[in-house]
Amino acid sequence: MGVSGITVGGGYNFTRRHAVVGEVMWNHLFVPAGTLAPIRDALQNPDINGSGKLYALTGNYRFELRGRTLGTYLIGGGGLYHRAASLSQAVTTGANITCEPTWEWWGFSCSSGMVTGNQTLRGSSSTAFGLNGGFGFTVRVGDAPYRVYVESRYHYAPTQGINTQLITITIGIRY
């Protein structure tokens, strides 16, 4: 899936190396055309499309090694993750549809390897506590303490049906 989003946060630096950071994250999850193929094929409808959104409220610890100009850090923590998925139209399942992860991601239930029949869904959502961890690099710009950062972070939450897993790359300004 392709992703675009925004993260806003604030925190407290105990020392130059140790900090706690609270963050709110929103990501729009773009769905590649092939991802919906099992649903389109089973229903013989090529016009079904979908999208998803992921919201997170996290508390994190950051360990940073900072020089005059360059720095690096590790960050990790946990929080509440909410994933919402919606299809472009309501989908009603029939009988004898093999259960694939795509069906569960969109909120359909499965039993004994088959999608449960007579379900009608247009969207679903799931909320769970999850974890995240990653690393980043900083570069001082202008007068201290302003820095530009580039960060990669892995997010995991055991949401209903299919676990939510996401790798984000964030570019921003830190004070």
Protein backbone atom coordinates (compact mmCIF):
# COMPACT_ATOMS: atom_id res chain seq x y z
CA MET A 1 0.00 0.00 0.00
CA GLY A 2 1.11 3.53 -0.64
CA VAL A 3 0.93 5.97 2.24
CA SER A 4 0.79 9.70 2.82
CA GLY A 5 0.21 11.36 6.13
CA ILE A 6 1.22 13.73 8.86
CA THR A 7 2.59 13.41 12.38
CA VAL A 8 2.47 16.11 15.05
CA GLY A 9 4.12 15.76 18.41
CA GLY A 10 5.65 17.38 21.42
CA GLY A 11 7.70 16.29 24.35
CA TYR A 12 10.28 16.94 26.96
CA ASN A 13 14.08 16.56 26.75
CA PHE A 14 15.34 15.32 30.12
CA THR A 15 18.93 15.67 28.86
CA ARG A 16 20.57 16.06 25.45
CA ARG A 17 20.22 12.28 25.04
CA HIS A 18 16.94 11.32 26.71
CA ALA A 19 13.44 12.54 25.83
CA VAL A 20 9.78 11.53 25.93
CA VAL A 21 7.56 12.45 22.99
CA GLY A 22 3.79 12.26 22.54
CA GLU A 23 2.55 12.07 18.95
CA VAL A 24 -0.63 12.07 16.92
CA MET A 25 -0.31 10.40 13.52
CA TRP A 26 -2.69 10.24 10.56
CA ASN A 27 -1.95 8.25 7.39
CA HIS A 28 -4.03 7.73 4.27
CA LEU A 29 -3.51 4.20 2.96
CA PHE A 30 -3.72 3.98 -0.83
CA VAL A 31 -4.79 0.58 -2.14
CA PRO A 32 -2.92 -0.86 -5.15
CA ALA A 33 -5.25 -2.17 -7.87
CA GLY A 34 -4.15 -5.80 -7.42
CA THR A 35 -5.01 -5.83 -3.73
CA LEU A 36 -8.74 -5.83 -4.46
CA ALA A 37 -8.48 -8.51 -7.17
CA PRO A 38 -9.87 -11.36 -4.98
CA ILE A 39 -12.96 -9.30 -4.13
CA ARG A 40 -13.43 -8.07 -7.71
CA ASP A 41 -13.01 -11.60 -9.09
CA ALA A 42 -15.35 -13.28 -6.59
CA LEU A 43 -18.09 -10.72 -7.21
CA GLN A 44 -17.34 -10.32 -10.93
CA ASN A 45 -17.26 -6.54 -10.45
CA PRO A 46 -14.14 -4.68 -11.67
CA ASP A 47 -15.45 -1.32 -10.37
CA ILE A 48 -14.86 -1.95 -6.65
CA ASN A 49 -12.20 0.32 -5.16
CA GLY A 50 -11.17 1.10 -1.61
CA SER A 51 -9.03 3.14 0.74
CA GLY A 52 -7.97 3.15 4.35
CA LYS A 53 -6.88 5.49 7.10
CA LEU A 54 -4.70 4.89 10.13
CA TYR A 55 -4.78 7.10 13.22
CA ALA A 56 -2.42 6.71 16.17
CA LEU A 57 -1.91 8.38 19.53
CA THR A 58 1.46 7.29 20.94
CA GLY A 59 3.89 7.93 23.77
CA ASN A 60 7.55 7.35 22.89
CA TYR A 61 11.05 7.37 24.34
CA ARG A 62 13.88 8.88 22.26
CA PHE A 63 17.61 8.25 22.81
CA GLU A 64 19.69 10.73 20.82
CA LEU A 65 23.38 11.20 20.08
CA ARG A 66 23.81 14.76 18.85
CA GLY A 67 26.90 16.56 17.58
CA ARG A 68 27.24 20.23 16.64
CA THR A 69 25.66 19.68 13.23
CA LEU A 70 24.65 16.01 12.82
CA GLY A 71 22.83 13.63 15.10
CA THR A 72 21.20 10.22 15.18
CA TYR A 73 18.54 8.72 17.43
CA LEU A 74 16.46 5.68 18.29
CA ILE A 75 12.77 6.09 19.10
CA GLY A 76 10.13 3.66 20.28
CA GLY A 77 6.96 3.39 22.27
CA GLY A 78 3.34 2.42 22.16
CA GLY A 79 -0.15 3.73 21.97
CA LEU A 80 -3.62 3.44 20.52
CA TYR A 81 -4.01 2.66 16.79
CA HIS A 82 -7.29 2.99 14.87
CA ARG A 83 -7.58 1.63 11.31
CA ALA A 84 -10.59 2.42 9.13
CA ALA A 85 -11.15 0.84 5.71
CA SER A 86 -13.88 1.65 3.20
CA LEU A 87 -14.95 0.21 -0.13
CA SER A 88 -16.40 2.30 -2.96
CA GLN A 89 -19.68 0.39 -2.72
CA ALA A 90 -21.39 -2.08 -0.42
CA VAL A 91 -20.24 -5.66 -1.01
CA THR A 92 -22.41 -8.69 -0.22
CA THR A 93 -20.68 -12.05 -0.05
CA GLY A 94 -22.08 -15.21 -1.53
CA ALA A 95 -21.20 -18.84 -0.88
CA ASN A 96 -17.97 -20.73 -1.61
CA ILE A 97 -15.53 -17.79 -1.58
CA THR A 98 -12.05 -18.81 -0.44
CA CYS A 99 -10.86 -16.65 2.43
CA GLU A 100 -7.77 -14.62 1.59
CA PRO A 101 -6.19 -11.90 3.77
CA THR A 102 -7.75 -9.23 1.53
CA TRP A 103 -11.24 -10.20 2.72
CA GLU A 104 -10.27 -9.99 6.39
CA TRP A 105 -8.47 -6.64 5.95
CA TRP A 106 -11.71 -5.11 4.68
CA GLY A 107 -13.62 -6.49 7.68
CA PHE A 108 -15.22 -9.68 6.36
CA SER A 109 -15.18 -12.72 8.64
CA CYS A 110 -14.04 -16.17 7.62
CA SER A 111 -14.70 -19.66 8.92
CA SER A 112 -12.96 -22.93 7.94
CA GLY A 113 -11.05 -21.21 5.13
CA MET A 114 -14.14 -19.70 3.53
CA VAL A 115 -15.60 -16.18 3.66
CA THR A 116 -18.77 -16.24 5.73
CA GLY A 117 -21.73 -15.88 3.34
CA ASN A 118 -24.38 -13.16 3.33
CA GLN A 119 -22.21 -10.41 4.83
CA THR A 120 -22.76 -6.90 3.53
CA LEU A 121 -20.01 -4.40 4.21
CA ARG A 122 -18.93 -1.08 2.83
CA GLY A 123 -16.35 -0.40 5.50
CA SER A 124 -14.93 -1.50 8.79
CA SER A 125 -12.74 -0.22 11.57
CA SER A 126 -10.62 -1.68 14.33
CA THR A 127 -8.84 -0.17 17.32
CA ALA A 128 -5.98 -1.79 19.24
CA PHE A 129 -2.97 -0.95 21.36
CA GLY A 130 0.23 -1.21 19.35
CA LEU A 131 3.96 -0.59 19.31
CA ASN A 132 6.41 1.36 17.19
CA GLY A 133 10.17 1.65 16.86
CA GLY A 134 12.65 3.26 14.54
CA PHE A 135 15.66 5.47 14.01
CA GLY A 136 16.41 8.87 12.58
CA PHE A 137 19.02 11.43 11.63
CA THR A 138 19.11 15.13 12.41
CA VAL A 139 20.91 18.10 10.85
CA ARG A 140 21.11 21.46 12.60
CA VAL A 141 19.78 24.33 10.49
CA GLY A 142 20.14 27.98 11.43
CA ASP A 143 20.49 28.83 15.08
CA ALA A 144 20.39 26.01 17.61
CA PRO A 145 18.18 24.19 18.60
CA TYR A 146 16.35 23.95 15.24
CA ARG A 147 17.05 20.71 13.37
CA VAL A 148 15.71 18.97 10.28
CA TYR A 149 15.14 15.26 10.78
CA VAL A 150 14.56 12.19 8.61
CA GLU A 151 13.09 9.18 10.38
CA SER A 152 12.02 5.64 9.55
CA ARG A 153 9.65 3.90 11.93
CA TYR A 154 7.84 0.55 12.03
CA HIS A 155 4.31 0.51 13.51
CA TYR A 156 2.48 -2.66 14.58
CA ALA A 157 -1.00 -3.10 16.07
CA PRO A 158 -2.91 -6.40 16.40
CA THR A 159 -6.10 -5.02 14.83
CA GLN A 160 -9.10 -7.24 14.10
CA GLY A 161 -8.89 -9.55 11.09
CA ILE A 162 -5.41 -8.59 9.91
CA ASN A 163 -2.68 -7.01 12.01
CA THR A 164 -1.82 -3.45 11.03
CA GLN A 165 1.84 -3.10 10.01
CA LEU A 166 3.27 0.06 8.52
CA ILE A 167 6.70 1.54 7.85
CA THR A 168 6.71 5.33 7.74
CA ILE A 169 9.41 7.70 6.55
CA THR A 170 9.01 11.15 8.04
CA ILE A 171 10.78 14.40 7.20
CA GLY A 172 10.27 17.32 9.56
CA ILE A 173 11.56 20.12 11.73
CA ARG A 174 12.33 19.66 15.39
CA TYR A 175 12.87 22.32 18.02
